[in-house]
C-alpha cells in the first residue's frame, strides 16, 4: 500500500497532460503554422490532445482519488488539494475545447 503523499502525487501526475498541454498552448502562438509531414497545423494537434488524451488522464485521476478517499487514505485538506487540481484541469480542458471550437466560426 502506498503512502498518502504517493497517492496525491499519482493524482496530480494524471492531471499533468491537461495542465502541461494548456501551458504549451499558451506558448505556441501563432497556432496556424503547419507541422509534420501531413501539413497538420498546431491548432489541430491541440484539439486532438484536449479531445482524446487529456480527458483520459483527468478521469483516471478522479477514479484514483475517489478510491483513495473511500479507503480513508487522504485527510480532508489533502483531498481538497487533489480535487482542486482536478477541477483546474477540467476547466483548462473545457476552456481549450471551447476556444478551439469557437475559433472555427
N, C-alpha and C. Protein backbone atom coordinates (compact mmCIF):
# COMPACT_ATOMS: atom_id res chain seq x y z
N UNK A 1 0.85 -1.19 0.00
CA UNK A 1 0.00 0.00 0.00
C UNK A 1 0.88 1.24 0.00
N UNK A 2 0.48 2.21 -0.78
CA UNK A 2 1.27 3.42 -0.92
C UNK A 2 0.95 4.41 0.18
N UNK A 3 1.89 5.27 0.45
CA UNK A 3 1.68 6.31 1.45
C UNK A 3 0.82 7.42 0.84
N UNK A 4 0.18 8.24 1.69
CA UNK A 4 -0.66 9.33 1.16
C UNK A 4 0.06 10.30 0.22
N UNK A 5 1.33 10.69 0.49
CA UNK A 5 1.98 11.57 -0.49
C UNK A 5 2.12 10.93 -1.88
N UNK A 6 2.37 9.62 -1.91
CA UNK A 6 2.47 8.93 -3.20
C UNK A 6 1.11 8.90 -3.90
N UNK A 7 0.05 8.73 -3.12
CA UNK A 7 -1.30 8.74 -3.70
C UNK A 7 -1.63 10.11 -4.29
N UNK A 8 -1.30 11.17 -3.57
CA UNK A 8 -1.55 12.53 -4.08
C UNK A 8 -0.70 12.79 -5.31
N UNK A 9 0.53 12.35 -5.27
CA UNK A 9 1.43 12.54 -6.41
C UNK A 9 0.86 11.84 -7.64
N UNK A 10 0.28 10.67 -7.46
CA UNK A 10 -0.28 9.95 -8.59
C UNK A 10 -1.47 10.70 -9.18
N UNK A 11 -2.32 11.27 -8.33
CA UNK A 11 -3.47 12.04 -8.82
C UNK A 11 -2.99 13.27 -9.59
N UNK A 12 -2.01 13.96 -9.06
CA UNK A 12 -1.50 15.16 -9.73
C UNK A 12 -0.80 14.79 -11.04
N UNK A 13 -0.08 13.68 -11.06
CA UNK A 13 0.59 13.25 -12.29
C UNK A 13 -0.41 12.94 -13.40
N UNK A 14 -1.55 12.38 -13.05
CA UNK A 14 -2.55 12.09 -14.08
C UNK A 14 -3.22 13.36 -14.59
N UNK A 15 -3.16 14.44 -13.85
CA UNK A 15 -3.70 15.73 -14.31
C UNK A 15 -2.71 16.52 -15.15
N UNK A 16 -1.46 16.13 -15.14
CA UNK A 16 -0.43 16.88 -15.86
C UNK A 16 -0.63 16.97 -17.37
N UNK A 17 -1.15 15.95 -18.06
CA UNK A 17 -1.35 16.13 -19.51
C UNK A 17 -2.23 17.33 -19.85
N UNK A 18 -3.25 17.56 -19.07
CA UNK A 18 -4.13 18.70 -19.32
C UNK A 18 -3.43 20.01 -18.97
N UNK A 19 -2.77 20.06 -17.84
CA UNK A 19 -2.14 21.30 -17.39
C UNK A 19 -0.94 21.67 -18.25
N UNK A 20 -0.10 20.69 -18.59
CA UNK A 20 1.06 20.98 -19.43
C UNK A 20 0.62 21.33 -20.85
N UNK A 21 -0.42 20.65 -21.35
CA UNK A 21 -0.95 20.99 -22.66
C UNK A 21 -1.46 22.41 -22.72
N UNK A 22 -2.10 22.85 -21.64
CA UNK A 22 -2.59 24.22 -21.59
C UNK A 22 -1.44 25.22 -21.61
N UNK A 23 -0.40 24.94 -20.84
CA UNK A 23 0.78 25.83 -20.83
C UNK A 23 1.48 25.84 -22.18
N UNK A 24 1.60 24.67 -22.81
CA UNK A 24 2.23 24.62 -24.13
C UNK A 24 1.40 25.38 -25.16
N UNK A 25 0.09 25.32 -25.04
CA UNK A 25 -0.77 26.07 -25.96
C UNK A 25 -0.51 27.56 -25.82
N UNK A 26 -0.40 28.02 -24.58
CA UNK A 26 -0.15 29.45 -24.37
C UNK A 26 1.19 29.90 -24.94
N UNK A 27 2.14 29.00 -25.02
CA UNK A 27 3.48 29.35 -25.50
C UNK A 27 3.67 29.07 -27.00
N UNK A 28 2.66 28.57 -27.69
CA UNK A 28 2.87 28.13 -29.07
C UNK A 28 2.20 29.00 -30.12
N UNK A 29 1.94 30.26 -29.82
CA UNK A 29 1.31 31.12 -30.82
C UNK A 29 2.31 31.57 -31.86
N UNK A 30 1.95 31.79 -33.08
CA UNK A 30 0.66 31.57 -33.73
C UNK A 30 0.41 30.08 -33.98
N UNK A 31 -0.83 29.68 -33.84
CA UNK A 31 -1.15 28.25 -33.93
C UNK A 31 -1.59 27.81 -35.30
N UNK A 32 -1.49 28.67 -36.29
CA UNK A 32 -1.89 28.26 -37.64
C UNK A 32 -0.71 27.77 -38.48
N UNK A 33 0.44 27.54 -37.85
CA UNK A 33 1.61 27.02 -38.57
C UNK A 33 1.40 25.55 -38.91
N UNK A 34 1.87 25.15 -40.07
CA UNK A 34 1.81 23.74 -40.48
C UNK A 34 3.02 23.01 -39.92
N UNK A 35 2.79 21.81 -39.41
CA UNK A 35 3.89 21.00 -38.88
C UNK A 35 3.77 19.59 -39.44
N UNK A 36 4.84 18.87 -39.42
CA UNK A 36 4.81 17.46 -39.77
C UNK A 36 4.71 17.19 -41.26
N UNK A 37 4.60 15.94 -41.57
CA UNK A 37 4.59 15.50 -42.96
C UNK A 37 3.21 15.52 -43.58
N UNK A 38 2.16 15.66 -42.81
CA UNK A 38 0.80 15.70 -43.33
C UNK A 38 0.23 17.12 -43.38
N UNK A 39 1.04 18.11 -43.13
CA UNK A 39 0.61 19.50 -43.10
C UNK A 39 -0.52 19.73 -42.10
N UNK A 40 -0.37 19.16 -40.93
CA UNK A 40 -1.30 19.38 -39.83
C UNK A 40 -0.86 20.64 -39.12
N UNK A 41 -1.80 21.51 -38.79
CA UNK A 41 -1.39 22.71 -38.08
C UNK A 41 -1.44 22.49 -36.57
N UNK A 42 -0.86 23.40 -35.85
CA UNK A 42 -0.71 23.26 -34.40
C UNK A 42 -2.07 23.22 -33.71
N UNK A 43 -3.03 23.98 -34.21
CA UNK A 43 -4.35 24.00 -33.59
C UNK A 43 -5.02 22.63 -33.64
N UNK A 44 -4.84 21.90 -34.73
CA UNK A 44 -5.41 20.56 -34.84
C UNK A 44 -4.77 19.59 -33.85
N UNK A 45 -3.47 19.74 -33.66
CA UNK A 45 -2.77 18.88 -32.69
C UNK A 45 -3.32 19.13 -31.29
N UNK A 46 -3.49 20.40 -30.93
CA UNK A 46 -4.04 20.70 -29.61
C UNK A 46 -5.49 20.25 -29.48
N UNK A 47 -6.26 20.36 -30.55
CA UNK A 47 -7.64 19.89 -30.50
C UNK A 47 -7.69 18.40 -30.19
N UNK A 48 -6.88 17.61 -30.90
CA UNK A 48 -6.86 16.18 -30.64
C UNK A 48 -6.32 15.86 -29.25
N UNK A 49 -5.34 16.62 -28.79
CA UNK A 49 -4.79 16.41 -27.45
C UNK A 49 -5.86 16.63 -26.38
N UNK A 50 -6.57 17.76 -26.48
CA UNK A 50 -7.56 18.08 -25.45
C UNK A 50 -8.87 17.32 -25.63
N UNK A 51 -9.06 16.69 -26.77
CA UNK A 51 -10.26 15.91 -27.00
C UNK A 51 -10.05 14.44 -26.64
N UNK A 52 -8.84 13.92 -26.82
CA UNK A 52 -8.61 12.48 -26.63
C UNK A 52 -7.69 12.14 -25.47
N UNK A 53 -6.61 12.85 -25.29
CA UNK A 53 -5.59 12.46 -24.30
C UNK A 53 -5.89 13.02 -22.92
N UNK A 54 -6.10 14.33 -22.82
CA UNK A 54 -6.28 14.98 -21.52
C UNK A 54 -7.49 14.47 -20.75
N UNK A 55 -8.66 14.24 -21.38
CA UNK A 55 -9.79 13.73 -20.59
C UNK A 55 -9.54 12.36 -19.97
N UNK A 56 -8.79 11.51 -20.65
CA UNK A 56 -8.47 10.20 -20.09
C UNK A 56 -7.67 10.34 -18.81
N UNK A 57 -6.69 11.23 -18.81
CA UNK A 57 -5.88 11.47 -17.60
C UNK A 57 -6.71 12.02 -16.46
N UNK A 58 -7.63 12.92 -16.78
CA UNK A 58 -8.49 13.50 -15.74
C UNK A 58 -9.42 12.45 -15.15
N UNK A 59 -9.96 11.59 -15.99
CA UNK A 59 -10.85 10.53 -15.50
C UNK A 59 -10.09 9.57 -14.61
N UNK A 60 -8.89 9.18 -15.01
CA UNK A 60 -8.08 8.27 -14.19
C UNK A 60 -7.71 8.92 -12.87
N UNK A 61 -7.37 10.21 -12.88
CA UNK A 61 -7.05 10.92 -11.64
C UNK A 61 -8.27 10.96 -10.71
N UNK A 62 -9.44 11.20 -11.27
CA UNK A 62 -10.66 11.25 -10.45
C UNK A 62 -10.97 9.88 -9.84
N UNK A 63 -10.82 8.83 -10.62
CA UNK A 63 -11.08 7.48 -10.11
C UNK A 63 -10.08 7.13 -9.01
N UNK A 64 -8.81 7.46 -9.22
CA UNK A 64 -7.80 7.21 -8.19
C UNK A 64 -8.13 7.95 -6.90
N UNK A 65 -8.56 9.19 -7.02
CA UNK A 65 -8.87 9.98 -5.84
C UNK A 65 -10.10 9.43 -5.12
N UNK A 66 -11.11 9.05 -5.86
CA UNK A 66 -12.33 8.51 -5.24
C UNK A 66 -12.02 7.20 -4.52
N UNK A 67 -11.22 6.34 -5.14
CA UNK A 67 -10.85 5.07 -4.49
C UNK A 67 -10.03 5.31 -3.23
N UNK A 68 -9.07 6.22 -3.30
CA UNK A 68 -8.24 6.50 -2.13
C UNK A 68 -9.08 7.14 -1.03
N UNK A 69 -10.03 7.97 -1.41
CA UNK A 69 -10.90 8.62 -0.42
C UNK A 69 -11.78 7.59 0.29
N UNK A 70 -12.26 6.60 -0.45
CA UNK A 70 -13.09 5.54 0.16
C UNK A 70 -12.28 4.68 1.12
N UNK A 71 -10.99 4.49 0.81
CA UNK A 71 -10.13 3.72 1.71
C UNK A 71 -9.68 4.53 2.91
N UNK A 72 -9.92 5.84 2.88
CA UNK A 72 -9.53 6.69 4.00
C UNK A 72 -8.07 7.06 4.01
N UNK A 73 -7.44 7.06 2.85
CA UNK A 73 -6.01 7.35 2.77
C UNK A 73 -5.74 8.84 2.96
N UNK A 74 -6.62 9.69 2.45
CA UNK A 74 -6.40 11.13 2.46
C UNK A 74 -7.08 11.80 3.64
N UNK A 75 -6.39 12.80 4.18
CA UNK A 75 -7.02 13.72 5.11
C UNK A 75 -7.81 14.73 4.28
N UNK A 76 -8.70 15.45 4.91
CA UNK A 76 -9.55 16.39 4.17
C UNK A 76 -8.77 17.48 3.43
N UNK A 77 -7.76 18.14 4.03
CA UNK A 77 -7.03 19.17 3.27
C UNK A 77 -6.32 18.62 2.03
N UNK A 78 -5.80 17.41 2.13
CA UNK A 78 -5.11 16.81 1.00
C UNK A 78 -6.12 16.47 -0.10
N UNK A 79 -7.27 15.97 0.28
CA UNK A 79 -8.31 15.67 -0.70
C UNK A 79 -8.81 16.94 -1.38
N UNK A 80 -8.93 18.02 -0.62
CA UNK A 80 -9.35 19.30 -1.21
C UNK A 80 -8.31 19.78 -2.22
N UNK A 81 -7.03 19.62 -1.89
CA UNK A 81 -5.97 19.99 -2.83
C UNK A 81 -6.06 19.16 -4.11
N UNK A 82 -6.25 17.85 -3.95
CA UNK A 82 -6.34 16.98 -5.13
C UNK A 82 -7.57 17.32 -5.98
N UNK A 83 -8.72 17.57 -5.34
CA UNK A 83 -9.91 17.95 -6.10
C UNK A 83 -9.72 19.30 -6.78
N UNK A 84 -8.98 20.19 -6.16
CA UNK A 84 -8.70 21.49 -6.77
C UNK A 84 -7.86 21.32 -8.04
N UNK A 85 -6.86 20.47 -8.00
CA UNK A 85 -6.03 20.22 -9.18
C UNK A 85 -6.88 19.60 -10.29
N UNK A 86 -7.74 18.66 -9.94
CA UNK A 86 -8.62 18.03 -10.94
C UNK A 86 -9.57 19.06 -11.52
N UNK A 87 -10.13 19.93 -10.69
CA UNK A 87 -11.05 20.96 -11.17
C UNK A 87 -10.36 21.94 -12.11
N UNK A 88 -9.15 22.34 -11.77
CA UNK A 88 -8.39 23.24 -12.65
C UNK A 88 -8.10 22.55 -13.98
N UNK A 89 -7.78 21.27 -13.94
CA UNK A 89 -7.53 20.53 -15.17
C UNK A 89 -8.77 20.46 -16.05
N UNK A 90 -9.91 20.18 -15.43
CA UNK A 90 -11.16 20.11 -16.19
C UNK A 90 -11.49 21.47 -16.79
N UNK A 91 -11.35 22.52 -16.01
CA UNK A 91 -11.65 23.86 -16.52
C UNK A 91 -10.70 24.27 -17.65
N UNK A 92 -9.43 23.95 -17.53
CA UNK A 92 -8.48 24.26 -18.60
C UNK A 92 -8.83 23.48 -19.86
N UNK A 93 -9.20 22.21 -19.68
CA UNK A 93 -9.57 21.39 -20.82
C UNK A 93 -10.83 21.93 -21.51
N UNK A 94 -11.84 22.27 -20.73
CA UNK A 94 -13.06 22.83 -21.31
C UNK A 94 -12.81 24.18 -21.98
N UNK A 95 -11.99 25.01 -21.35
CA UNK A 95 -11.65 26.30 -21.94
C UNK A 95 -10.97 26.12 -23.29
N UNK A 96 -10.05 25.19 -23.36
CA UNK A 96 -9.35 24.94 -24.62
C UNK A 96 -10.29 24.40 -25.69
N UNK A 97 -11.13 23.44 -25.34
CA UNK A 97 -12.05 22.89 -26.33
C UNK A 97 -13.05 23.93 -26.81
N UNK A 98 -13.57 24.72 -25.89
CA UNK A 98 -14.50 25.79 -26.28
C UNK A 98 -13.80 26.83 -27.15
N UNK A 99 -12.58 27.20 -26.80
CA UNK A 99 -11.85 28.18 -27.58
C UNK A 99 -11.52 27.68 -28.98
N UNK A 100 -11.10 26.43 -29.07
CA UNK A 100 -10.79 25.85 -30.39
C UNK A 100 -12.05 25.69 -31.23
N UNK A 101 -13.15 25.34 -30.60
CA UNK A 101 -14.43 25.24 -31.31
C UNK A 101 -14.89 26.60 -31.79
N UNK A 102 -14.78 27.61 -30.93
CA UNK A 102 -15.23 28.95 -31.28
C UNK A 102 -14.34 29.58 -32.37
N UNK A 103 -13.11 29.15 -32.45
CA UNK A 103 -12.22 29.73 -33.46
C UNK A 103 -12.57 29.28 -34.87
N UNK A 104 -13.39 28.25 -34.99
CA UNK A 104 -13.77 27.78 -36.32
C UNK A 104 -14.94 28.56 -36.88
N UNK A 105 -15.55 29.42 -36.08
CA UNK A 105 -16.69 30.20 -36.57
C UNK A 105 -16.35 31.66 -36.69
